[in-house]
Protein backbone atom coordinates (compact mmCIF):
# COMPACT_ATOMS: atom_id res chain seq x y z
CA UNK A 1 0.00 0.00 0.00
CA UNK A 2 3.00 2.34 0.34
CA UNK A 3 3.28 2.82 -3.45
CA UNK A 4 -0.26 4.13 -3.99
CA UNK A 5 -0.39 7.13 -6.32
CA UNK A 6 -3.01 9.88 -6.24
CA UNK A 7 -3.58 11.38 -9.71
CA UNK A 8 -4.85 14.98 -9.60
CA UNK A 9 -5.21 15.39 -13.34
CA UNK A 10 -2.05 17.35 -14.14
CA UNK A 11 0.12 15.95 -11.33
CA UNK A 12 0.43 12.66 -9.49
CA UNK A 13 1.52 12.24 -5.87
CA UNK A 14 2.98 9.27 -4.04
CA UNK A 15 0.52 8.95 -1.13
CA UNK A 16 3.23 7.92 1.34
CA UNK A 17 4.86 11.36 0.90
CA UNK A 18 1.73 13.44 1.50
CA UNK A 19 1.96 15.28 4.83
CA UNK A 20 -1.13 17.54 4.75
CA UNK A 21 -4.26 17.93 2.62
CA UNK A 22 -6.28 21.13 2.95
CA UNK A 23 -10.01 21.58 2.71
CA UNK A 24 -11.82 22.14 -0.59
CA UNK A 25 -12.16 25.89 -1.14
CA UNK A 26 -13.49 28.13 -3.86
CA UNK A 27 -10.80 29.78 -5.96
CA UNK A 28 -11.24 33.60 -5.94
CA UNK A 29 -12.54 34.83 -9.31
CA UNK A 30 -9.59 37.19 -9.83
CA UNK A 31 -7.02 34.37 -9.78
CA UNK A 32 -8.95 31.64 -11.60
CA UNK A 33 -7.39 30.07 -14.63
CA UNK A 34 -9.92 28.73 -17.07
CA UNK A 35 -12.99 27.00 -15.68
CA UNK A 36 -11.39 25.70 -12.48
CA UNK A 37 -13.42 27.02 -9.58
CA UNK A 38 -12.40 24.87 -6.58
CA UNK A 39 -9.13 23.55 -5.18
CA UNK A 40 -7.41 21.97 -2.21
CA UNK A 41 -3.81 22.22 -1.08
CA UNK A 42 -1.43 19.27 -0.77
CA UNK A 43 1.81 19.53 1.22
CA UNK A 44 4.34 16.77 0.58
CA UNK A 45 7.74 16.04 2.06
CA UNK A 46 9.34 18.25 -0.62
CA UNK A 47 6.86 21.09 -1.14
CA UNK A 48 3.27 21.95 -1.86
CA UNK A 49 0.83 22.51 -4.69
CA UNK A 50 -2.87 22.95 -5.34
CA UNK A 51 -5.21 20.53 -7.06
CA UNK A 52 -7.76 22.45 -9.16
CA UNK A 53 -11.20 21.22 -10.30
CA UNK A 54 -14.09 22.57 -12.38
CA UNK A 55 -16.78 22.01 -9.73
CA UNK A 56 -17.04 21.75 -5.96
CA UNK A 57 -18.54 18.28 -6.36
CA UNK A 58 -15.58 17.01 -8.40
CA UNK A 59 -13.11 18.50 -5.93
CA UNK A 60 -15.01 16.87 -3.05
CA UNK A 61 -14.97 13.47 -4.73
CA UNK A 62 -11.22 13.72 -5.42
CA UNK A 63 -10.61 14.84 -1.83
CA UNK A 64 -12.66 11.91 -0.54
CA UNK A 65 -10.74 9.46 -2.72
CA UNK A 66 -7.45 10.87 -1.43
CA UNK A 67 -8.72 10.52 2.16
CA UNK A 68 -9.48 6.84 1.52
CA UNK A 69 -6.03 6.27 0.04
CA UNK A 70 -4.31 8.04 2.94
CA UNK A 71 -6.32 6.15 5.57
CA UNK A 72 -5.55 2.80 3.90
CA UNK A 73 -1.83 3.58 3.63
CA UNK A 74 -1.46 5.20 7.05
CA UNK A 75 -3.80 4.63 10.03
CA UNK A 76 -2.32 7.67 11.83
CA UNK A 77 -4.10 10.31 9.75
CA UNK A 78 -5.65 13.09 11.82
CA UNK A 79 -8.71 14.55 10.14
CA UNK A 80 -10.24 17.89 11.02
CA UNK A 81 -13.24 19.07 9.01
CA UNK A 82 -11.91 18.40 5.49
CA UNK A 83 -8.24 18.75 6.41
CA UNK A 84 -5.98 15.71 6.73
CA UNK A 85 -2.68 15.59 8.61
CA UNK A 86 -0.08 12.80 8.79
CA UNK A 87 0.49 12.60 12.56
CA UNK A 88 3.83 10.83 12.14
CA UNK A 89 5.22 13.90 10.33
CA UNK A 90 4.19 16.52 12.88
CA UNK A 91 7.21 18.38 14.23
CA UNK A 92 5.47 20.67 16.73
CA UNK A 93 2.02 21.58 17.97
CA UNK A 94 1.50 25.23 18.88
CA UNK A 95 -0.78 26.77 21.47
CA UNK A 96 -4.32 27.88 20.73
CA UNK A 97 -4.32 31.40 19.25
CA UNK A 98 -7.12 33.83 18.45
CA UNK A 99 -7.18 34.72 14.76
CA UNK A 100 -6.75 38.39 13.86
CA UNK A 101 -9.01 38.05 10.81
CA UNK A 102 -11.61 35.35 11.56
CA UNK A 103 -13.00 33.61 8.50
CA UNK A 104 -16.73 32.86 8.73
CA UNK A 105 -17.29 31.46 12.23
CA UNK A 106 -13.71 30.16 12.69
CA UNK A 107 -12.12 32.34 15.38
CA UNK A 108 -9.25 30.29 16.86
CA UNK A 109 -6.42 28.20 15.44
CA UNK A 110 -3.65 25.79 16.29
CA UNK A 111 -0.45 26.16 14.29
CA UNK A 112 1.09 22.76 13.55
CA UNK A 113 4.57 22.45 12.03
CA UNK A 114 5.00 19.52 9.66
CA UNK A 115 8.01 17.76 8.21
CA UNK A 116 8.72 19.19 4.76
CA UNK A 117 11.76 20.63 3.01
CA UNK A 118 9.78 23.72 1.98
CA UNK A 119 9.92 26.18 4.92
CA UNK A 120 7.09 28.34 3.49
CA UNK A 121 4.65 25.45 3.85
CA UNK A 122 5.94 23.90 7.07
CA UNK A 123 3.24 25.56 9.20
CA UNK A 124 -0.38 24.43 8.91
CA UNK A 125 -3.22 26.39 10.51
CA UNK A 126 -6.06 24.21 11.85
CA UNK A 127 -9.02 26.55 12.51
CA UNK A 128 -11.85 26.14 15.04
CA UNK A 129 -15.08 27.86 16.11
CA UNK A 130 -13.99 28.59 19.69
CA UNK A 131 -11.02 28.51 22.05
CA UNK A 132 -12.61 25.55 23.86
CA UNK A 133 -12.96 23.52 20.64
CA UNK A 134 -9.37 24.34 19.70
CA UNK A 135 -8.09 23.29 23.15
CA UNK A 136 -9.93 19.96 22.91
CA UNK A 137 -8.59 19.42 19.39
CA UNK A 138 -5.05 20.23 20.55
CA UNK A 139 -5.30 17.43 23.13
CA UNK A 140 -6.62 15.07 20.44
CA UNK A 141 -3.79 15.99 18.07
CA UNK A 142 -1.29 15.42 20.87
CA UNK A 143 -2.71 11.93 21.48
CA UNK A 144 -2.68 11.01 17.78
CA UNK A 145 0.88 12.32 17.30
CA UNK A 146 2.09 10.49 20.44
CA UNK A 147 0.54 7.25 19.22
CA UNK A 148 1.96 7.67 15.71
CA UNK A 149 5.47 8.26 17.00
CA UNK A 150 5.36 5.36 19.46
CA UNK A 151 4.28 2.92 16.74
CA UNK A 152 0.79 2.41 18.17
CA UNK A 153 -2.41 2.78 16.21
CA UNK A 154 -3.90 6.24 16.58
CA UNK A 155 -6.87 6.53 18.93
CA UNK A 156 -10.29 7.03 17.36
CA UNK A 157 -11.14 10.68 16.92
CA UNK A 158 -14.47 10.66 18.70
CA UNK A 159 -15.82 13.12 21.22
CA UNK A 160 -14.58 10.80 23.96
CA UNK A 161 -10.97 10.79 22.72
CA UNK A 162 -10.92 14.49 21.90
CA UNK A 163 -11.33 15.39 25.57
CA UNK A 164 -8.65 13.01 26.80
CA UNK A 165 -6.15 14.69 29.09
CA UNK A 166 -2.64 15.39 27.88
CA UNK A 167 -0.11 13.21 29.73
CA UNK A 168 1.79 15.03 32.47
CA UNK A 169 5.46 15.73 31.77
CA UNK A 170 7.92 13.46 33.54
CA UNK A 171 10.42 14.95 35.99
CA UNK A 172 14.06 14.57 35.03
CA UNK A 173 16.97 15.14 37.41
CA UNK A 174 19.65 17.32 35.89
CA UNK A 175 23.24 17.05 37.03
CA UNK A 176 22.73 13.98 39.21
CA UNK A 177 24.13 10.55 38.50
CA UNK A 178 22.07 7.40 38.63
CA UNK A 179 23.28 3.82 39.02
CA UNK A 180 21.43 2.99 35.80
CA UNK A 181 23.22 5.65 33.76
CA UNK A 182 26.83 5.26 32.57
CA UNK A 183 27.80 8.82 33.57
C-alpha atoms as a PDB file:
ATOM      1  CA  UNK A   1       0.000   0.000   0.000  1.00  0.00           C
ATOM      2  CA  UNK A   2       3.002   2.337   0.337  1.00  0.00           C
ATOM      3  CA  UNK A   3       3.277   2.820  -3.447  1.00  0.00           C
ATOM      4  CA  UNK A   4      -0.259   4.125  -3.987  1.00  0.00           C
ATOM      5  CA  UNK A   5      -0.388   7.126  -6.317  1.00  0.00           C
ATOM      6  CA  UNK A   6      -3.015   9.879  -6.241  1.00  0.00           C
ATOM      7  CA  UNK A   7      -3.581  11.379  -9.710  1.00  0.00           C
ATOM      8  CA  UNK A   8      -4.849  14.977  -9.595  1.00  0.00           C
ATOM      9  CA  UNK A   9      -5.205  15.393 -13.335  1.00  0.00           C
ATOM     10  CA  UNK A  10      -2.049  17.349 -14.136  1.00  0.00           C
ATOM     11  CA  UNK A  11       0.119  15.952 -11.328  1.00  0.00           C
ATOM     12  CA  UNK A  12       0.434  12.656  -9.491  1.00  0.00           C
ATOM     13  CA  UNK A  13       1.518  12.238  -5.869  1.00  0.00           C
ATOM     14  CA  UNK A  14       2.976   9.268  -4.039  1.00  0.00           C
ATOM     15  CA  UNK A  15       0.517   8.947  -1.131  1.00  0.00           C
ATOM     16  CA  UNK A  16       3.232   7.916   1.339  1.00  0.00           C
ATOM     17  CA  UNK A  17       4.864  11.360   0.896  1.00  0.00           C
ATOM     18  CA  UNK A  18       1.732  13.443   1.501  1.00  0.00           C
ATOM     19  CA  UNK A  19       1.962  15.285   4.828  1.00  0.00           C
ATOM     20  CA  UNK A  20      -1.126  17.538   4.750  1.00  0.00           C
ATOM     21  CA  UNK A  21      -4.255  17.935   2.617  1.00  0.00           C
ATOM     22  CA  UNK A  22      -6.278  21.126   2.951  1.00  0.00           C
ATOM     23  CA  UNK A  23     -10.009  21.584   2.710  1.00  0.00           C
ATOM     24  CA  UNK A  24     -11.817  22.140  -0.591  1.00  0.00           C
ATOM     25  CA  UNK A  25     -12.160  25.888  -1.136  1.00  0.00           C
ATOM     26  CA  UNK A  26     -13.486  28.130  -3.856  1.00  0.00           C
ATOM     27  CA  UNK A  27     -10.795  29.785  -5.958  1.00  0.00           C
ATOM     28  CA  UNK A  28     -11.242  33.596  -5.941  1.00  0.00           C
ATOM     29  CA  UNK A  29     -12.540  34.835  -9.310  1.00  0.00           C
ATOM     30  CA  UNK A  30      -9.589  37.188  -9.830  1.00  0.00           C
ATOM     31  CA  UNK A  31      -7.018  34.367  -9.784  1.00  0.00           C
ATOM     32  CA  UNK A  32      -8.955  31.636 -11.599  1.00  0.00           C
ATOM     33  CA  UNK A  33      -7.388  30.069 -14.633  1.00  0.00           C
ATOM     34  CA  UNK A  34      -9.920  28.732 -17.073  1.00  0.00           C
ATOM     35  CA  UNK A  35     -12.987  26.996 -15.685  1.00  0.00           C
ATOM     36  CA  UNK A  36     -11.393  25.696 -12.479  1.00  0.00           C
ATOM     37  CA  UNK A  37     -13.424  27.020  -9.581  1.00  0.00           C
ATOM     38  CA  UNK A  38     -12.401  24.867  -6.584  1.00  0.00           C
ATOM     39  CA  UNK A  39      -9.128  23.552  -5.185  1.00  0.00           C
ATOM     40  CA  UNK A  40      -7.414  21.970  -2.208  1.00  0.00           C
ATOM     41  CA  UNK A  41      -3.806  22.217  -1.078  1.00  0.00           C
ATOM     42  CA  UNK A  42      -1.431  19.267  -0.767  1.00  0.00           C
ATOM     43  CA  UNK A  43       1.813  19.532   1.221  1.00  0.00           C
ATOM     44  CA  UNK A  44       4.343  16.773   0.582  1.00  0.00           C
ATOM     45  CA  UNK A  45       7.739  16.045   2.064  1.00  0.00           C
ATOM     46  CA  UNK A  46       9.336  18.252  -0.618  1.00  0.00           C
ATOM     47  CA  UNK A  47       6.864  21.091  -1.139  1.00  0.00           C
ATOM     48  CA  UNK A  48       3.266  21.949  -1.857  1.00  0.00           C
ATOM     49  CA  UNK A  49       0.833  22.506  -4.687  1.00  0.00           C
ATOM     50  CA  UNK A  50      -2.870  22.954  -5.337  1.00  0.00           C
ATOM     51  CA  UNK A  51      -5.207  20.525  -7.064  1.00  0.00           C
ATOM     52  CA  UNK A  52      -7.757  22.455  -9.163  1.00  0.00           C
ATOM     53  CA  UNK A  53     -11.196  21.225 -10.302  1.00  0.00           C
ATOM     54  CA  UNK A  54     -14.092  22.568 -12.382  1.00  0.00           C
ATOM     55  CA  UNK A  55     -16.778  22.012  -9.729  1.00  0.00           C
ATOM     56  CA  UNK A  56     -17.039  21.747  -5.965  1.00  0.00           C
ATOM     57  CA  UNK A  57     -18.545  18.277  -6.359  1.00  0.00           C
ATOM     58  CA  UNK A  58     -15.580  17.010  -8.396  1.00  0.00           C
ATOM     59  CA  UNK A  59     -13.112  18.503  -5.930  1.00  0.00           C
ATOM     60  CA  UNK A  60     -15.008  16.874  -3.051  1.00  0.00           C
ATOM     61  CA  UNK A  61     -14.968  13.467  -4.732  1.00  0.00           C
ATOM     62  CA  UNK A  62     -11.220  13.719  -5.420  1.00  0.00           C
ATOM     63  CA  UNK A  63     -10.609  14.843  -1.833  1.00  0.00           C
ATOM     64  CA  UNK A  64     -12.659  11.906  -0.538  1.00  0.00           C
ATOM     65  CA  UNK A  65     -10.742   9.459  -2.720  1.00  0.00           C
ATOM     66  CA  UNK A  66      -7.453  10.868  -1.431  1.00  0.00           C
ATOM     67  CA  UNK A  67      -8.724  10.523   2.162  1.00  0.00           C
ATOM     68  CA  UNK A  68      -9.480   6.844   1.521  1.00  0.00           C
ATOM     69  CA  UNK A  69      -6.033   6.275   0.042  1.00  0.00           C
ATOM     70  CA  UNK A  70      -4.309   8.042   2.943  1.00  0.00           C
ATOM     71  CA  UNK A  71      -6.317   6.153   5.570  1.00  0.00           C
ATOM     72  CA  UNK A  72      -5.548   2.803   3.904  1.00  0.00           C
ATOM     73  CA  UNK A  73      -1.834   3.579   3.632  1.00  0.00           C
ATOM     74  CA  UNK A  74      -1.463   5.204   7.054  1.00  0.00           C
ATOM     75  CA  UNK A  75      -3.799   4.632  10.026  1.00  0.00           C
ATOM     76  CA  UNK A  76      -2.323   7.671  11.830  1.00  0.00           C
ATOM     77  CA  UNK A  77      -4.096  10.307   9.747  1.00  0.00           C
ATOM     78  CA  UNK A  78      -5.648  13.088  11.824  1.00  0.00           C
ATOM     79  CA  UNK A  79      -8.714  14.548  10.145  1.00  0.00           C
ATOM     80  CA  UNK A  80     -10.239  17.894  11.018  1.00  0.00           C
ATOM     81  CA  UNK A  81     -13.240  19.075   9.008  1.00  0.00           C
ATOM     82  CA  UNK A  82     -11.915  18.397   5.492  1.00  0.00           C
ATOM     83  CA  UNK A  83      -8.236  18.753   6.407  1.00  0.00           C
ATOM     84  CA  UNK A  84      -5.977  15.707   6.735  1.00  0.00           C
ATOM     85  CA  UNK A  85      -2.676  15.595   8.606  1.00  0.00           C
ATOM     86  CA  UNK A  86      -0.084  12.802   8.789  1.00  0.00           C
ATOM     87  CA  UNK A  87       0.486  12.598  12.555  1.00  0.00           C
ATOM     88  CA  UNK A  88       3.830  10.833  12.143  1.00  0.00           C
ATOM     89  CA  UNK A  89       5.220  13.900  10.332  1.00  0.00           C
ATOM     90  CA  UNK A  90       4.193  16.521  12.879  1.00  0.00           C
ATOM     91  CA  UNK A  91       7.214  18.379  14.228  1.00  0.00           C
ATOM     92  CA  UNK A  92       5.472  20.672  16.732  1.00  0.00           C
ATOM     93  CA  UNK A  93       2.016  21.584  17.971  1.00  0.00           C
ATOM     94  CA  UNK A  94       1.498  25.229  18.881  1.00  0.00           C
ATOM     95  CA  UNK A  95      -0.779  26.765  21.466  1.00  0.00           C
ATOM     96  CA  UNK A  96      -4.325  27.881  20.732  1.00  0.00           C
ATOM     97  CA  UNK A  97      -4.320  31.400  19.245  1.00  0.00           C
ATOM     98  CA  UNK A  98      -7.120  33.833  18.452  1.00  0.00           C
ATOM     99  CA  UNK A  99      -7.181  34.718  14.763  1.00  0.00           C
ATOM    100  CA  UNK A 100      -6.753  38.394  13.862  1.00  0.00           C
ATOM    101  CA  UNK A 101      -9.014  38.045  10.815  1.00  0.00           C
ATOM    102  CA  UNK A 102     -11.613  35.351  11.557  1.00  0.00           C
ATOM    103  CA  UNK A 103     -13.000  33.610   8.496  1.00  0.00           C
ATOM    104  CA  UNK A 104     -16.733  32.862   8.726  1.00  0.00           C
ATOM    105  CA  UNK A 105     -17.289  31.457  12.225  1.00  0.00           C
ATOM    106  CA  UNK A 106     -13.714  30.161  12.687  1.00  0.00           C
ATOM    107  CA  UNK A 107     -12.122  32.337  15.379  1.00  0.00           C
ATOM    108  CA  UNK A 108      -9.254  30.286  16.861  1.00  0.00           C
ATOM    109  CA  UNK A 109      -6.424  28.197  15.444  1.00  0.00           C
ATOM    110  CA  UNK A 110      -3.650  25.792  16.287  1.00  0.00           C
ATOM    111  CA  UNK A 111      -0.449  26.156  14.286  1.00  0.00           C
ATOM    112  CA  UNK A 112       1.090  22.763  13.552  1.00  0.00           C
ATOM    113  CA  UNK A 113       4.569  22.451  12.028  1.00  0.00           C
ATOM    114  CA  UNK A 114       5.000  19.524   9.658  1.00  0.00           C
ATOM    115  CA  UNK A 115       8.014  17.763   8.212  1.00  0.00           C
ATOM    116  CA  UNK A 116       8.720  19.185   4.756  1.00  0.00           C
ATOM    117  CA  UNK A 117      11.764  20.626   3.005  1.00  0.00           C
ATOM    118  CA  UNK A 118       9.781  23.721   1.984  1.00  0.00           C
ATOM    119  CA  UNK A 119       9.921  26.184   4.920  1.00  0.00           C
ATOM    120  CA  UNK A 120       7.092  28.339   3.492  1.00  0.00           C
ATOM    121  CA  UNK A 121       4.648  25.453   3.854  1.00  0.00           C
ATOM    122  CA  UNK A 122       5.944  23.905   7.075  1.00  0.00           C
ATOM    123  CA  UNK A 123       3.236  25.556   9.200  1.00  0.00           C
ATOM    124  CA  UNK A 124      -0.379  24.432   8.914  1.00  0.00           C
ATOM    125  CA  UNK A 125      -3.224  26.385  10.513  1.00  0.00           C
ATOM    126  CA  UNK A 126      -6.057  24.210  11.848  1.00  0.00           C
ATOM    127  CA  UNK A 127      -9.018  26.553  12.509  1.00  0.00           C
ATOM    128  CA  UNK A 128     -11.848  26.143  15.037  1.00  0.00           C
ATOM    129  CA  UNK A 129     -15.078  27.856  16.106  1.00  0.00           C
ATOM    130  CA  UNK A 130     -13.990  28.591  19.692  1.00  0.00           C
ATOM    131  CA  UNK A 131     -11.018  28.509  22.046  1.00  0.00           C
ATOM    132  CA  UNK A 132     -12.605  25.552  23.861  1.00  0.00           C
ATOM    133  CA  UNK A 133     -12.963  23.515  20.644  1.00  0.00           C
ATOM    134  CA  UNK A 134      -9.371  24.338  19.700  1.00  0.00           C
ATOM    135  CA  UNK A 135      -8.091  23.291  23.148  1.00  0.00           C
ATOM    136  CA  UNK A 136      -9.931  19.955  22.906  1.00  0.00           C
ATOM    137  CA  UNK A 137      -8.585  19.425  19.394  1.00  0.00           C
ATOM    138  CA  UNK A 138      -5.053  20.226  20.546  1.00  0.00           C
ATOM    139  CA  UNK A 139      -5.296  17.431  23.129  1.00  0.00           C
ATOM    140  CA  UNK A 140      -6.620  15.068  20.442  1.00  0.00           C
ATOM    141  CA  UNK A 141      -3.788  15.995  18.068  1.00  0.00           C
ATOM    142  CA  UNK A 142      -1.293  15.421  20.873  1.00  0.00           C
ATOM    143  CA  UNK A 143      -2.713  11.930  21.483  1.00  0.00           C
ATOM    144  CA  UNK A 144      -2.681  11.013  17.784  1.00  0.00           C
ATOM    145  CA  UNK A 145       0.885  12.324  17.302  1.00  0.00           C
ATOM    146  CA  UNK A 146       2.089  10.493  20.436  1.00  0.00           C
ATOM    147  CA  UNK A 147       0.537   7.247  19.219  1.00  0.00           C
ATOM    148  CA  UNK A 148       1.956   7.674  15.711  1.00  0.00           C
ATOM    149  CA  UNK A 149       5.474   8.256  16.997  1.00  0.00           C
ATOM    150  CA  UNK A 150       5.357   5.359  19.455  1.00  0.00           C
ATOM    151  CA  UNK A 151       4.281   2.923  16.740  1.00  0.00           C
ATOM    152  CA  UNK A 152       0.792   2.412  18.168  1.00  0.00           C
ATOM    153  CA  UNK A 153      -2.405   2.783  16.207  1.00  0.00           C
ATOM    154  CA  UNK A 154      -3.901   6.236  16.578  1.00  0.00           C
ATOM    155  CA  UNK A 155      -6.870   6.535  18.929  1.00  0.00           C
ATOM    156  CA  UNK A 156     -10.293   7.028  17.356  1.00  0.00           C
ATOM    157  CA  UNK A 157     -11.144  10.676  16.923  1.00  0.00           C
ATOM    158  CA  UNK A 158     -14.467  10.656  18.695  1.00  0.00           C
ATOM    159  CA  UNK A 159     -15.818  13.119  21.216  1.00  0.00           C
ATOM    160  CA  UNK A 160     -14.576  10.803  23.956  1.00  0.00           C
ATOM    161  CA  UNK A 161     -10.969  10.791  22.724  1.00  0.00           C
ATOM    162  CA  UNK A 162     -10.923  14.491  21.898  1.00  0.00           C
ATOM    163  CA  UNK A 163     -11.331  15.389  25.567  1.00  0.00           C
ATOM    164  CA  UNK A 164      -8.648  13.012  26.803  1.00  0.00           C
ATOM    165  CA  UNK A 165      -6.150  14.692  29.091  1.00  0.00           C
ATOM    166  CA  UNK A 166      -2.635  15.391  27.879  1.00  0.00           C
ATOM    167  CA  UNK A 167      -0.110  13.214  29.730  1.00  0.00           C
ATOM    168  CA  UNK A 168       1.790  15.026  32.466  1.00  0.00           C
ATOM    169  CA  UNK A 169       5.458  15.732  31.771  1.00  0.00           C
ATOM    170  CA  UNK A 170       7.918  13.456  33.543  1.00  0.00           C
ATOM    171  CA  UNK A 171      10.416  14.953  35.995  1.00  0.00           C
ATOM    172  CA  UNK A 172      14.063  14.570  35.033  1.00  0.00           C
ATOM    173  CA  UNK A 173      16.974  15.139  37.410  1.00  0.00           C
ATOM    174  CA  UNK A 174      19.653  17.322  35.887  1.00  0.00           C
ATOM    175  CA  UNK A 175      23.237  17.048  37.029  1.00  0.00           C
ATOM    176  CA  UNK A 176      22.728  13.978  39.207  1.00  0.00           C
ATOM    177  CA  UNK A 177      24.127  10.549  38.502  1.00  0.00           C
ATOM    178  CA  UNK A 178      22.065   7.401  38.632  1.00  0.00           C
ATOM    179  CA  UNK A 179      23.282   3.823  39.023  1.00  0.00           C
ATOM    180  CA  UNK A 180      21.430   2.986  35.796  1.00  0.00           C
ATOM    181  CA  UNK A 181      23.225   5.654  33.761  1.00  0.00           C
ATOM    182  CA  UNK A 182      26.829   5.258  32.571  1.00  0.00           C
ATOM    183  CA  UNK A 183      27.800   8.822  33.571  1.00  0.00           C
END
